[in-house]
């Protein structure tokens, strides 16, 4: 049987210290989820093919496995390299059905028009929903989001960019189906923040 050729980048760029690296990335993510709106450093432990960002690839390499289908947005499927890198380093299957995905990776959030197309879980099993990882260029230089909810003392704020179209309306619709709904992970260069489904977005009056 002839094996299909692979670019060297498929095999390279994964964790050199799988246990230590995954623990460090997981700790950063758990801190971000526990305190929505807070920003946490993600160590540079992966070197993925473009346009997959190092922080996003470290998160998916930590979270995904053979039992968690991953959906990629069109920006990440222009070449086979990203798909092949994820499959090789995580064992996770890549699906083209949003509703089947345990995790979604989005490199162009500004083109993501519908969050409710992902798995939202059920009343009995709300955890069977998609965790959506958005690659953003900044967590502080975009439009300010004011957040409230569990894990937040008073209010917190983030200013990620780019973000999905009509994000405020989309997030409020996501909150309306709680305890169902997606969880949002924001991966910026070298850092991560999170908006669990329990997080409320406060509309600005400006």
N, C-alpha and C. Protein backbone atom coordinates (compact mmCIF):
# COMPACT_ATOMS: atom_id res chain seq x y z
N UNK A 1 0.85 -1.19 0.00
CA UNK A 1 0.00 0.00 0.00
C UNK A 1 0.88 1.24 0.00
N UNK A 2 0.63 2.19 -0.88
CA UNK A 2 1.41 3.41 -0.97
C UNK A 2 0.84 4.47 -0.05
N UNK A 3 1.69 4.98 0.81
CA UNK A 3 1.24 6.02 1.74
C UNK A 3 1.24 7.37 1.04
N UNK A 4 0.24 8.19 1.32
CA UNK A 4 0.17 9.52 0.74
C UNK A 4 1.29 10.38 1.31
N UNK A 5 1.93 11.19 0.49
CA UNK A 5 3.02 12.03 1.00
C UNK A 5 2.49 13.09 1.94
N UNK A 6 3.30 13.42 2.93
CA UNK A 6 2.94 14.45 3.89
C UNK A 6 4.04 15.49 3.93
N UNK A 7 3.65 16.73 4.13
CA UNK A 7 4.63 17.77 4.39
C UNK A 7 5.29 17.52 5.73
N UNK A 8 6.54 17.90 5.86
CA UNK A 8 7.24 17.71 7.13
C UNK A 8 6.56 18.46 8.27
N UNK A 9 5.84 19.54 7.95
CA UNK A 9 5.18 20.30 9.01
C UNK A 9 4.08 19.50 9.69
N UNK A 10 3.57 18.49 9.03
CA UNK A 10 2.55 17.64 9.66
C UNK A 10 3.13 16.91 10.86
N UNK A 11 4.34 16.42 10.74
CA UNK A 11 4.96 15.64 11.80
C UNK A 11 5.68 16.50 12.82
N UNK A 12 6.04 17.70 12.44
CA UNK A 12 6.80 18.58 13.32
C UNK A 12 5.87 19.54 14.05
N UNK A 13 6.44 20.22 15.02
CA UNK A 13 5.71 21.30 15.68
C UNK A 13 4.79 20.90 16.78
N UNK A 14 4.81 19.63 17.19
CA UNK A 14 3.99 19.20 18.31
C UNK A 14 4.70 19.39 19.64
N UNK A 15 4.11 18.90 20.73
CA UNK A 15 4.71 19.01 22.05
C UNK A 15 6.02 18.25 22.11
N UNK A 16 7.10 18.91 22.52
CA UNK A 16 8.36 18.20 22.76
C UNK A 16 8.33 17.53 24.13
N UNK A 17 7.55 18.09 25.04
CA UNK A 17 7.34 17.52 26.37
C UNK A 17 5.82 17.39 26.57
N UNK A 18 5.23 16.31 26.06
CA UNK A 18 3.76 16.23 26.04
C UNK A 18 3.10 16.41 27.40
N UNK A 19 3.64 15.81 28.44
CA UNK A 19 3.01 15.91 29.76
C UNK A 19 3.13 17.32 30.31
N UNK A 20 4.34 17.85 30.34
CA UNK A 20 4.55 19.18 30.90
C UNK A 20 3.85 20.26 30.11
N UNK A 21 3.93 20.18 28.78
CA UNK A 21 3.31 21.20 27.93
C UNK A 21 1.80 21.18 28.07
N UNK A 22 1.19 19.99 28.00
CA UNK A 22 -0.26 19.92 28.07
C UNK A 22 -0.77 20.36 29.44
N UNK A 23 -0.02 20.07 30.49
CA UNK A 23 -0.43 20.51 31.82
C UNK A 23 -0.40 22.03 31.93
N UNK A 24 0.64 22.65 31.37
CA UNK A 24 0.76 24.11 31.44
C UNK A 24 -0.36 24.78 30.65
N UNK A 25 -0.65 24.26 29.46
CA UNK A 25 -1.71 24.84 28.62
C UNK A 25 -3.07 24.63 29.29
N UNK A 26 -3.30 23.44 29.82
CA UNK A 26 -4.58 23.13 30.46
C UNK A 26 -4.79 24.03 31.68
N UNK A 27 -3.74 24.27 32.43
CA UNK A 27 -3.84 25.13 33.61
C UNK A 27 -4.23 26.55 33.21
N UNK A 28 -3.60 27.06 32.16
CA UNK A 28 -3.95 28.40 31.68
C UNK A 28 -5.41 28.47 31.25
N UNK A 29 -5.87 27.45 30.53
CA UNK A 29 -7.25 27.44 30.07
C UNK A 29 -8.22 27.34 31.24
N UNK A 30 -7.95 26.47 32.21
CA UNK A 30 -8.86 26.33 33.35
C UNK A 30 -8.95 27.63 34.15
N UNK A 31 -7.82 28.33 34.29
CA UNK A 31 -7.85 29.62 34.97
C UNK A 31 -8.69 30.64 34.19
N UNK A 32 -8.59 30.60 32.87
CA UNK A 32 -9.37 31.51 32.04
C UNK A 32 -10.86 31.21 32.14
N UNK A 33 -11.21 29.94 32.17
CA UNK A 33 -12.62 29.55 32.28
C UNK A 33 -13.16 29.88 33.66
N UNK A 34 -12.35 29.69 34.69
CA UNK A 34 -12.79 29.97 36.05
C UNK A 34 -13.02 31.45 36.29
N UNK A 35 -12.29 32.29 35.55
CA UNK A 35 -12.43 33.75 35.70
C UNK A 35 -12.66 34.37 34.33
N UNK A 36 -13.89 34.29 33.83
CA UNK A 36 -14.17 34.80 32.49
C UNK A 36 -13.75 36.26 32.32
N UNK A 37 -13.12 36.55 31.20
CA UNK A 37 -12.66 37.89 30.93
C UNK A 37 -11.21 38.12 31.32
N UNK A 38 -10.64 37.23 32.14
CA UNK A 38 -9.24 37.37 32.52
C UNK A 38 -8.35 36.78 31.41
N UNK A 39 -7.14 37.27 31.31
CA UNK A 39 -6.22 36.87 30.25
C UNK A 39 -5.06 36.11 30.88
N UNK A 40 -4.71 34.98 30.28
CA UNK A 40 -3.67 34.11 30.84
C UNK A 40 -2.67 33.73 29.75
N UNK A 41 -1.41 33.68 30.14
CA UNK A 41 -0.35 33.36 29.20
C UNK A 41 -0.40 31.88 28.80
N UNK A 42 -0.22 31.63 27.51
CA UNK A 42 -0.10 30.27 26.99
C UNK A 42 1.34 30.08 26.53
N UNK A 43 2.03 29.07 27.05
CA UNK A 43 3.42 28.88 26.64
C UNK A 43 3.53 28.51 25.17
N UNK A 44 4.62 28.91 24.54
CA UNK A 44 4.84 28.59 23.12
C UNK A 44 5.40 27.18 23.05
N UNK A 45 4.51 26.20 22.89
CA UNK A 45 4.92 24.79 22.93
C UNK A 45 4.60 24.05 21.63
N UNK A 46 4.00 24.74 20.66
CA UNK A 46 3.70 24.13 19.37
C UNK A 46 4.07 25.10 18.25
N UNK A 47 4.38 24.51 17.10
CA UNK A 47 4.65 25.31 15.90
C UNK A 47 3.85 24.71 14.75
N UNK A 48 2.60 25.12 14.60
CA UNK A 48 1.72 24.52 13.62
C UNK A 48 1.88 25.16 12.24
N UNK A 49 1.33 24.53 11.21
CA UNK A 49 1.30 25.17 9.89
C UNK A 49 0.34 26.35 9.88
N UNK A 50 0.68 27.38 9.13
CA UNK A 50 -0.20 28.55 8.98
C UNK A 50 -1.46 28.14 8.22
N UNK A 51 -2.58 28.79 8.52
CA UNK A 51 -2.75 29.96 9.41
C UNK A 51 -3.13 29.60 10.84
N UNK A 52 -2.90 28.35 11.25
CA UNK A 52 -3.21 27.98 12.64
C UNK A 52 -2.20 28.64 13.57
N UNK A 53 -2.71 29.31 14.59
CA UNK A 53 -1.88 30.06 15.53
C UNK A 53 -1.30 29.13 16.59
N UNK A 54 -0.12 29.45 17.12
CA UNK A 54 0.53 28.60 18.10
C UNK A 54 -0.34 28.39 19.34
N UNK A 55 -0.95 29.46 19.85
CA UNK A 55 -1.77 29.31 21.06
C UNK A 55 -2.99 28.43 20.80
N UNK A 56 -3.64 28.62 19.65
CA UNK A 56 -4.81 27.80 19.31
C UNK A 56 -4.42 26.34 19.11
N UNK A 57 -3.27 26.11 18.47
CA UNK A 57 -2.84 24.73 18.24
C UNK A 57 -2.46 24.07 19.56
N UNK A 58 -1.87 24.82 20.50
CA UNK A 58 -1.55 24.25 21.81
C UNK A 58 -2.82 23.85 22.54
N UNK A 59 -3.86 24.68 22.43
CA UNK A 59 -5.14 24.36 23.07
C UNK A 59 -5.78 23.12 22.48
N UNK A 60 -5.82 23.03 21.15
CA UNK A 60 -6.46 21.86 20.54
C UNK A 60 -5.64 20.60 20.77
N UNK A 61 -4.31 20.73 20.81
CA UNK A 61 -3.46 19.57 21.09
C UNK A 61 -3.65 19.08 22.52
N UNK A 62 -4.00 19.98 23.41
CA UNK A 62 -4.26 19.62 24.81
C UNK A 62 -5.63 19.01 24.99
N UNK A 63 -6.62 19.53 24.27
CA UNK A 63 -8.02 19.16 24.53
C UNK A 63 -8.53 18.00 23.70
N UNK A 64 -8.12 17.91 22.45
CA UNK A 64 -8.74 16.97 21.52
C UNK A 64 -8.11 15.59 21.58
N UNK A 65 -8.93 14.58 21.27
CA UNK A 65 -8.43 13.21 21.17
C UNK A 65 -9.31 12.46 20.18
N UNK A 66 -9.14 11.16 20.11
CA UNK A 66 -9.83 10.36 19.10
C UNK A 66 -11.34 10.38 19.25
N UNK A 67 -11.84 10.77 20.41
CA UNK A 67 -13.28 10.77 20.66
C UNK A 67 -13.92 12.15 20.52
N UNK A 68 -13.15 13.14 20.06
CA UNK A 68 -13.68 14.51 20.00
C UNK A 68 -13.52 15.07 18.59
N UNK A 69 -14.53 14.99 17.77
CA UNK A 69 -14.44 15.55 16.41
C UNK A 69 -14.16 17.05 16.43
N UNK A 70 -13.36 17.49 15.48
CA UNK A 70 -12.96 18.89 15.38
C UNK A 70 -13.46 19.46 14.06
N UNK A 71 -14.07 20.65 14.11
CA UNK A 71 -14.50 21.36 12.91
C UNK A 71 -13.56 22.51 12.65
N UNK A 72 -13.19 22.71 11.39
CA UNK A 72 -12.30 23.80 10.99
C UNK A 72 -13.04 24.77 10.09
N UNK A 73 -12.82 26.05 10.29
CA UNK A 73 -13.47 27.03 9.41
C UNK A 73 -12.77 27.06 8.05
N UNK A 74 -13.38 27.67 7.04
CA UNK A 74 -12.80 27.67 5.69
C UNK A 74 -11.38 28.21 5.63
N UNK A 75 -11.03 29.16 6.49
CA UNK A 75 -9.68 29.70 6.48
C UNK A 75 -8.64 28.65 6.82
N UNK A 76 -9.05 27.63 7.59
CA UNK A 76 -8.13 26.58 8.00
C UNK A 76 -8.16 25.36 7.09
N UNK A 77 -9.09 25.33 6.15
CA UNK A 77 -9.19 24.17 5.26
C UNK A 77 -8.74 24.49 3.84
N UNK A 78 -8.12 25.65 3.65
CA UNK A 78 -7.64 26.00 2.31
C UNK A 78 -6.53 25.07 1.84
N UNK A 79 -5.75 24.57 2.80
CA UNK A 79 -4.74 23.57 2.50
C UNK A 79 -4.95 22.40 3.44
N UNK A 80 -4.37 21.26 3.10
CA UNK A 80 -4.54 20.06 3.92
C UNK A 80 -3.64 20.06 5.15
N UNK A 81 -2.68 20.99 5.20
CA UNK A 81 -1.65 20.91 6.24
C UNK A 81 -2.23 21.02 7.65
N UNK A 82 -3.17 21.96 7.86
CA UNK A 82 -3.73 22.14 9.20
C UNK A 82 -4.51 20.90 9.62
N UNK A 83 -5.37 20.41 8.74
CA UNK A 83 -6.15 19.20 9.04
C UNK A 83 -5.21 18.04 9.39
N UNK A 84 -4.20 17.84 8.57
CA UNK A 84 -3.28 16.73 8.78
C UNK A 84 -2.49 16.89 10.08
N UNK A 85 -2.11 18.13 10.39
CA UNK A 85 -1.37 18.38 11.63
C UNK A 85 -2.22 18.02 12.84
N UNK A 86 -3.48 18.44 12.83
CA UNK A 86 -4.37 18.16 13.96
C UNK A 86 -4.60 16.66 14.11
N UNK A 87 -4.88 15.99 13.00
CA UNK A 87 -5.11 14.54 13.06
C UNK A 87 -3.87 13.82 13.59
N UNK A 88 -2.70 14.20 13.09
CA UNK A 88 -1.47 13.52 13.49
C UNK A 88 -1.15 13.75 14.96
N UNK A 89 -1.30 14.98 15.45
CA UNK A 89 -0.87 15.32 16.81
C UNK A 89 -1.92 15.09 17.87
N UNK A 90 -3.18 14.91 17.49
CA UNK A 90 -4.24 14.69 18.48
C UNK A 90 -4.98 13.37 18.30
N UNK A 91 -4.99 12.83 17.10
CA UNK A 91 -5.79 11.64 16.80
C UNK A 91 -7.26 11.95 16.59
N UNK A 92 -7.63 13.24 16.68
CA UNK A 92 -9.04 13.61 16.56
C UNK A 92 -9.49 13.58 15.10
N UNK A 93 -10.69 13.09 14.85
CA UNK A 93 -11.24 13.18 13.49
C UNK A 93 -11.67 14.61 13.19
N UNK A 94 -11.52 15.01 11.94
CA UNK A 94 -11.98 16.33 11.50
C UNK A 94 -13.32 16.15 10.78
N UNK A 95 -14.32 16.89 11.21
CA UNK A 95 -15.66 16.79 10.63
C UNK A 95 -16.01 18.06 9.87
N UNK A 96 -16.81 17.93 8.83
CA UNK A 96 -17.29 19.13 8.13
C UNK A 96 -18.69 19.52 8.60
N UNK A 97 -19.19 18.85 9.65
CA UNK A 97 -20.51 19.14 10.21
C UNK A 97 -20.34 19.86 11.56
N UNK A 98 -20.73 21.11 11.61
CA UNK A 98 -20.59 21.87 12.86
C UNK A 98 -21.30 21.19 14.02
N UNK A 99 -22.47 20.66 13.76
CA UNK A 99 -23.29 20.10 14.82
C UNK A 99 -22.71 18.82 15.41
N UNK A 100 -21.69 18.25 14.76
CA UNK A 100 -21.07 17.03 15.26
C UNK A 100 -19.78 17.31 16.03
N UNK A 101 -19.34 18.55 16.05
CA UNK A 101 -18.02 18.89 16.57
C UNK A 101 -18.02 19.04 18.09
N UNK A 102 -17.02 18.44 18.73
CA UNK A 102 -16.76 18.71 20.14
C UNK A 102 -15.99 20.01 20.29
N UNK A 103 -15.10 20.26 19.31
CA UNK A 103 -14.32 21.49 19.29
C UNK A 103 -14.39 22.09 17.89
N UNK A 104 -14.36 23.40 17.83
CA UNK A 104 -14.28 24.11 16.56
C UNK A 104 -13.12 25.07 16.62
N UNK A 105 -12.36 25.13 15.52
CA UNK A 105 -11.24 26.07 15.41
C UNK A 105 -11.60 27.08 14.32
N UNK A 106 -11.53 28.34 14.65
CA UNK A 106 -11.95 29.40 13.74
C UNK A 106 -10.81 30.41 13.59
N UNK A 107 -10.22 30.47 12.41
CA UNK A 107 -9.12 31.39 12.16
C UNK A 107 -9.60 32.75 11.66
N UNK A 108 -10.82 32.82 11.16
CA UNK A 108 -11.39 34.08 10.66
C UNK A 108 -12.73 34.33 11.34
N UNK A 109 -12.72 34.73 12.61
CA UNK A 109 -13.97 34.92 13.34
C UNK A 109 -14.93 35.90 12.69
N UNK A 110 -14.39 36.88 11.98
CA UNK A 110 -15.24 37.90 11.34
C UNK A 110 -16.15 37.29 10.28
N UNK A 111 -15.83 36.10 9.81
CA UNK A 111 -16.65 35.43 8.80
C UNK A 111 -17.59 34.39 9.41
N UNK A 112 -17.59 34.26 10.73
CA UNK A 112 -18.45 33.28 11.40
C UNK A 112 -19.78 33.95 11.71
N UNK A 113 -20.80 33.58 10.94
CA UNK A 113 -22.07 34.30 11.03
C UNK A 113 -23.08 33.66 11.97
N UNK A 114 -22.82 32.42 12.43
CA UNK A 114 -23.83 31.75 13.26
C UNK A 114 -23.17 30.85 14.29
N UNK A 115 -23.32 31.22 15.56
CA UNK A 115 -22.84 30.35 16.63
C UNK A 115 -23.80 29.20 16.90
N UNK A 116 -25.07 29.39 16.59
CA UNK A 116 -26.05 28.36 16.92
C UNK A 116 -26.04 27.18 15.96
N UNK A 117 -25.14 27.20 14.97
CA UNK A 117 -25.01 26.04 14.10
C UNK A 117 -24.19 24.93 14.71
N UNK A 118 -23.50 25.23 15.82
CA UNK A 118 -22.72 24.21 16.50
C UNK A 118 -23.60 23.41 17.45
N UNK A 119 -23.06 22.31 17.97
CA UNK A 119 -23.80 21.50 18.93
C UNK A 119 -24.04 22.33 20.20
N UNK A 120 -25.28 22.37 20.64
CA UNK A 120 -25.64 23.15 21.82
C UNK A 120 -25.88 22.29 23.03
N UNK A 121 -25.74 20.96 22.87
CA UNK A 121 -26.05 20.06 23.96
C UNK A 121 -27.55 19.89 24.12
N UNK A 122 -27.95 19.16 25.14
CA UNK A 122 -29.37 18.96 25.43
C UNK A 122 -29.62 19.30 26.89
N UNK A 123 -30.89 19.36 27.29
CA UNK A 123 -31.21 19.64 28.68
C UNK A 123 -30.64 18.55 29.58
N UNK A 124 -30.66 17.30 29.10
CA UNK A 124 -30.14 16.18 29.88
C UNK A 124 -28.62 16.15 29.88
N UNK A 125 -28.02 16.50 28.74
CA UNK A 125 -26.57 16.44 28.60
C UNK A 125 -26.05 17.76 28.00
N UNK A 126 -26.08 18.84 28.79
CA UNK A 126 -25.64 20.13 28.25
C UNK A 126 -24.16 20.17 27.91
N UNK A 127 -23.39 19.22 28.47
CA UNK A 127 -21.95 19.19 28.19
C UNK A 127 -21.65 18.67 26.78
N UNK A 128 -22.63 18.12 26.11
CA UNK A 128 -22.42 17.60 24.76
C UNK A 128 -22.59 18.73 23.73
N UNK A 129 -21.81 19.76 23.94
CA UNK A 129 -21.88 20.93 23.07
C UNK A 129 -20.49 21.22 22.54
N UNK A 130 -20.40 22.16 21.62
CA UNK A 130 -19.12 22.50 21.01
C UNK A 130 -18.43 23.60 21.80
N UNK A 131 -17.15 23.39 22.05
CA UNK A 131 -16.30 24.47 22.55
C UNK A 131 -15.63 25.11 21.34
N UNK A 132 -15.87 26.40 21.15
CA UNK A 132 -15.41 27.10 19.95
C UNK A 132 -14.17 27.92 20.29
N UNK A 133 -13.07 27.62 19.60
CA UNK A 133 -11.81 28.35 19.79
C UNK A 133 -11.68 29.37 18.67
N UNK A 134 -11.73 30.64 19.03
CA UNK A 134 -11.57 31.71 18.06
C UNK A 134 -10.14 32.23 18.11
N UNK A 135 -9.48 32.27 16.96
CA UNK A 135 -8.18 32.92 16.87
C UNK A 135 -8.41 34.42 16.72
N UNK A 136 -7.83 35.18 17.61
CA UNK A 136 -7.95 36.64 17.53
C UNK A 136 -6.55 37.25 17.55
N UNK A 137 -6.42 38.41 16.97
CA UNK A 137 -5.11 39.08 16.93
C UNK A 137 -4.81 39.80 18.23
N UNK A 138 -5.86 40.14 18.99
CA UNK A 138 -5.69 40.86 20.26
C UNK A 138 -6.84 40.56 21.19
N UNK A 139 -6.58 40.65 22.48
CA UNK A 139 -7.62 40.55 23.50
C UNK A 139 -7.87 41.89 24.18
N UNK A 140 -7.14 42.91 23.75
CA UNK A 140 -7.24 44.21 24.41
C UNK A 140 -7.45 45.38 23.45
N UNK A 141 -7.32 45.16 22.15
CA UNK A 141 -7.35 46.27 21.22
C UNK A 141 -8.60 46.39 20.38
N UNK A 142 -9.60 45.56 20.64
CA UNK A 142 -10.84 45.59 19.86
C UNK A 142 -11.96 46.32 20.58
N UNK A 143 -13.18 46.03 20.18
CA UNK A 143 -14.35 46.61 20.83
C UNK A 143 -14.53 46.01 22.22
N UNK A 144 -14.73 46.86 23.21
CA UNK A 144 -14.80 46.40 24.60
C UNK A 144 -16.07 45.62 24.86
N UNK A 145 -15.91 44.45 25.49
CA UNK A 145 -17.02 43.62 25.93
C UNK A 145 -17.05 43.65 27.45
N UNK A 146 -18.19 44.00 28.03
CA UNK A 146 -18.35 44.00 29.48
C UNK A 146 -19.08 42.74 29.89
N UNK A 147 -18.50 42.01 30.84
CA UNK A 147 -18.99 40.67 31.20
C UNK A 147 -19.41 40.61 32.66
N UNK A 148 -20.41 39.81 32.92
CA UNK A 148 -20.85 39.49 34.28
C UNK A 148 -21.15 38.00 34.34
N UNK A 149 -21.21 37.47 35.58
CA UNK A 149 -21.60 36.08 35.73
C UNK A 149 -20.70 35.33 36.68
N UNK A 150 -20.90 34.02 36.79
CA UNK A 150 -20.10 33.19 37.70
C UNK A 150 -18.61 33.33 37.42
N UNK A 151 -17.84 33.47 38.51
CA UNK A 151 -16.40 33.61 38.39
C UNK A 151 -15.93 35.04 38.22
N UNK A 152 -16.87 35.97 38.10
CA UNK A 152 -16.53 37.38 37.89
C UNK A 152 -16.99 38.18 39.11
N UNK A 153 -16.08 38.91 39.73
CA UNK A 153 -16.43 39.78 40.83
C UNK A 153 -16.87 41.11 40.26
N UNK A 154 -18.17 41.38 40.32
CA UNK A 154 -18.71 42.60 39.70
C UNK A 154 -18.76 42.44 38.20
N UNK A 155 -17.85 43.10 37.52
CA UNK A 155 -17.77 42.99 36.07
C UNK A 155 -16.31 42.82 35.65
N UNK A 156 -16.13 42.25 34.47
CA UNK A 156 -14.81 42.20 33.85
C UNK A 156 -14.98 42.62 32.40
N UNK A 157 -13.87 42.84 31.73
CA UNK A 157 -13.97 43.26 30.34
C UNK A 157 -12.85 42.66 29.51
N UNK A 158 -13.16 42.50 28.24
CA UNK A 158 -12.22 42.05 27.22
C UNK A 158 -12.45 42.93 26.00
N UNK A 159 -11.44 42.99 25.12
CA UNK A 159 -11.60 43.73 23.87
C UNK A 159 -10.95 42.94 22.74
N UNK A 160 -11.51 41.76 22.42
CA UNK A 160 -10.91 40.92 21.39
C UNK A 160 -11.23 41.42 19.98
N UNK A 161 -10.34 41.10 19.06
CA UNK A 161 -10.55 41.45 17.66
C UNK A 161 -9.71 40.52 16.79
N UNK A 162 -10.32 40.01 15.68
CA UNK A 162 -11.69 40.21 15.21
C UNK A 162 -12.67 39.28 15.93
N UNK A 163 -13.96 39.59 15.78
CA UNK A 163 -15.00 38.78 16.40
C UNK A 163 -16.09 38.48 15.37
N UNK A 164 -16.95 37.48 15.67
CA UNK A 164 -18.03 37.15 14.74
C UNK A 164 -18.99 38.31 14.49
N UNK A 165 -19.64 38.26 13.35
CA UNK A 165 -20.61 39.28 13.00
C UNK A 165 -21.74 39.32 14.04
N UNK A 166 -22.17 40.54 14.39
CA UNK A 166 -23.30 40.72 15.31
C UNK A 166 -23.09 39.89 16.59
N UNK A 167 -21.88 39.97 17.13
CA UNK A 167 -21.54 39.07 18.24
C UNK A 167 -22.44 39.25 19.45
N UNK A 168 -22.76 40.48 19.81
CA UNK A 168 -23.58 40.71 20.99
C UNK A 168 -24.91 39.97 20.88
N UNK A 169 -25.57 40.08 19.73
CA UNK A 169 -26.85 39.40 19.53
C UNK A 169 -26.67 37.89 19.54
N UNK A 170 -25.60 37.42 18.92
CA UNK A 170 -25.35 35.98 18.89
C UNK A 170 -25.10 35.44 20.31
N UNK A 171 -24.34 36.19 21.11
CA UNK A 171 -24.03 35.69 22.45
C UNK A 171 -25.26 35.71 23.35
N UNK A 172 -26.09 36.72 23.19
CA UNK A 172 -27.32 36.76 23.99
C UNK A 172 -28.25 35.62 23.62
N UNK A 173 -28.28 35.24 22.35
CA UNK A 173 -29.07 34.08 21.94
C UNK A 173 -28.49 32.80 22.53
N UNK A 174 -27.18 32.73 22.60
CA UNK A 174 -26.53 31.56 23.21
C UNK A 174 -26.87 31.47 24.70
N UNK A 175 -26.85 32.61 25.39
CA UNK A 175 -27.19 32.64 26.81
C UNK A 175 -28.64 32.24 27.04
N UNK A 176 -29.51 32.53 26.09
CA UNK A 176 -30.95 32.28 26.26
C UNK A 176 -31.28 30.80 26.34
N UNK A 177 -30.39 29.92 25.84
CA UNK A 177 -30.68 28.48 25.87
C UNK A 177 -29.96 27.79 27.03
N UNK A 178 -29.33 28.56 27.93
CA UNK A 178 -28.63 28.00 29.08
C UNK A 178 -29.55 27.07 29.86
N UNK A 179 -29.08 25.87 30.31
CA UNK A 179 -27.70 25.40 30.41
C UNK A 179 -27.10 24.84 29.12
N UNK A 180 -27.89 24.83 28.05
CA UNK A 180 -27.31 24.46 26.76
C UNK A 180 -26.49 25.64 26.24
N UNK A 181 -25.79 25.42 25.13
CA UNK A 181 -25.04 26.50 24.52
C UNK A 181 -23.57 26.18 24.37
N UNK A 182 -22.91 26.95 23.52
CA UNK A 182 -21.48 26.77 23.30
C UNK A 182 -20.67 27.49 24.38
N UNK A 183 -19.43 27.07 24.54
CA UNK A 183 -18.46 27.79 25.35
C UNK A 183 -17.43 28.39 24.38
N UNK A 184 -16.98 29.59 24.67
CA UNK A 184 -16.08 30.30 23.77
C UNK A 184 -14.70 30.43 24.40
N UNK A 185 -13.68 30.06 23.62
CA UNK A 185 -12.29 30.20 24.02
C UNK A 185 -11.63 31.15 23.02
N UNK A 186 -10.96 32.18 23.53
CA UNK A 186 -10.33 33.18 22.68
C UNK A 186 -8.82 33.00 22.74
N UNK A 187 -8.23 32.63 21.62
CA UNK A 187 -6.80 32.36 21.54
C UNK A 187 -6.11 33.51 20.81
N UNK A 188 -5.33 34.27 21.54
CA UNK A 188 -4.54 35.37 20.96
C UNK A 188 -3.07 34.96 20.98
N UNK A 189 -2.20 35.71 20.31
CA UNK A 189 -0.78 35.36 20.35
C UNK A 189 -0.26 35.29 21.80
N UNK A 190 0.10 34.10 22.22
CA UNK A 190 0.68 33.91 23.55
C UNK A 190 -0.26 33.97 24.71
N UNK A 191 -1.58 34.02 24.47
CA UNK A 191 -2.51 34.17 25.59
C UNK A 191 -3.88 33.59 25.26
N UNK A 192 -4.67 33.41 26.32
CA UNK A 192 -6.01 32.85 26.18
C UNK A 192 -6.95 33.52 27.16
N UNK A 193 -8.21 33.66 26.74
CA UNK A 193 -9.30 34.11 27.60
C UNK A 193 -10.50 33.24 27.27
N UNK A 194 -11.53 33.31 28.09
CA UNK A 194 -12.69 32.44 27.86
C UNK A 194 -13.99 33.14 28.23
N UNK A 195 -15.03 32.74 27.52
CA UNK A 195 -16.40 33.14 27.84
C UNK A 195 -17.25 31.89 27.90
N UNK A 196 -17.35 31.24 29.07
CA UNK A 196 -18.26 30.11 29.20
C UNK A 196 -19.70 30.53 28.93
N UNK A 197 -20.54 29.58 28.65
CA UNK A 197 -21.93 29.89 28.30
C UNK A 197 -22.68 30.60 29.43
N UNK A 198 -22.17 30.47 30.66
CA UNK A 198 -22.81 31.13 31.80
C UNK A 198 -22.50 32.62 31.87
N UNK A 199 -21.58 33.10 31.04
CA UNK A 199 -21.17 34.49 31.06
C UNK A 199 -22.20 35.39 30.38
N UNK A 200 -22.55 36.48 31.04
CA UNK A 200 -23.49 37.44 30.46
C UNK A 200 -22.73 38.60 29.85
N UNK A 201 -23.16 38.99 28.68
CA UNK A 201 -22.59 40.14 27.98
C UNK A 201 -23.49 41.34 28.24
N UNK A 202 -22.92 42.40 28.78
CA UNK A 202 -23.68 43.60 29.11
C UNK A 202 -23.61 44.57 27.95
N UNK A 203 -24.75 44.93 27.41
CA UNK A 203 -24.78 45.84 26.26
C UNK A 203 -24.29 47.23 26.66
N UNK A 204 -23.47 47.82 25.84
CA UNK A 204 -23.00 49.19 26.08
C UNK A 204 -24.08 50.16 25.64
N UNK A 205 -24.23 51.21 26.38
CA UNK A 205 -25.20 52.24 26.03
C UNK A 205 -24.63 53.27 25.07
N UNK A 206 -23.31 53.15 24.85
CA UNK A 206 -22.64 54.13 23.96
C UNK A 206 -23.01 53.89 22.53
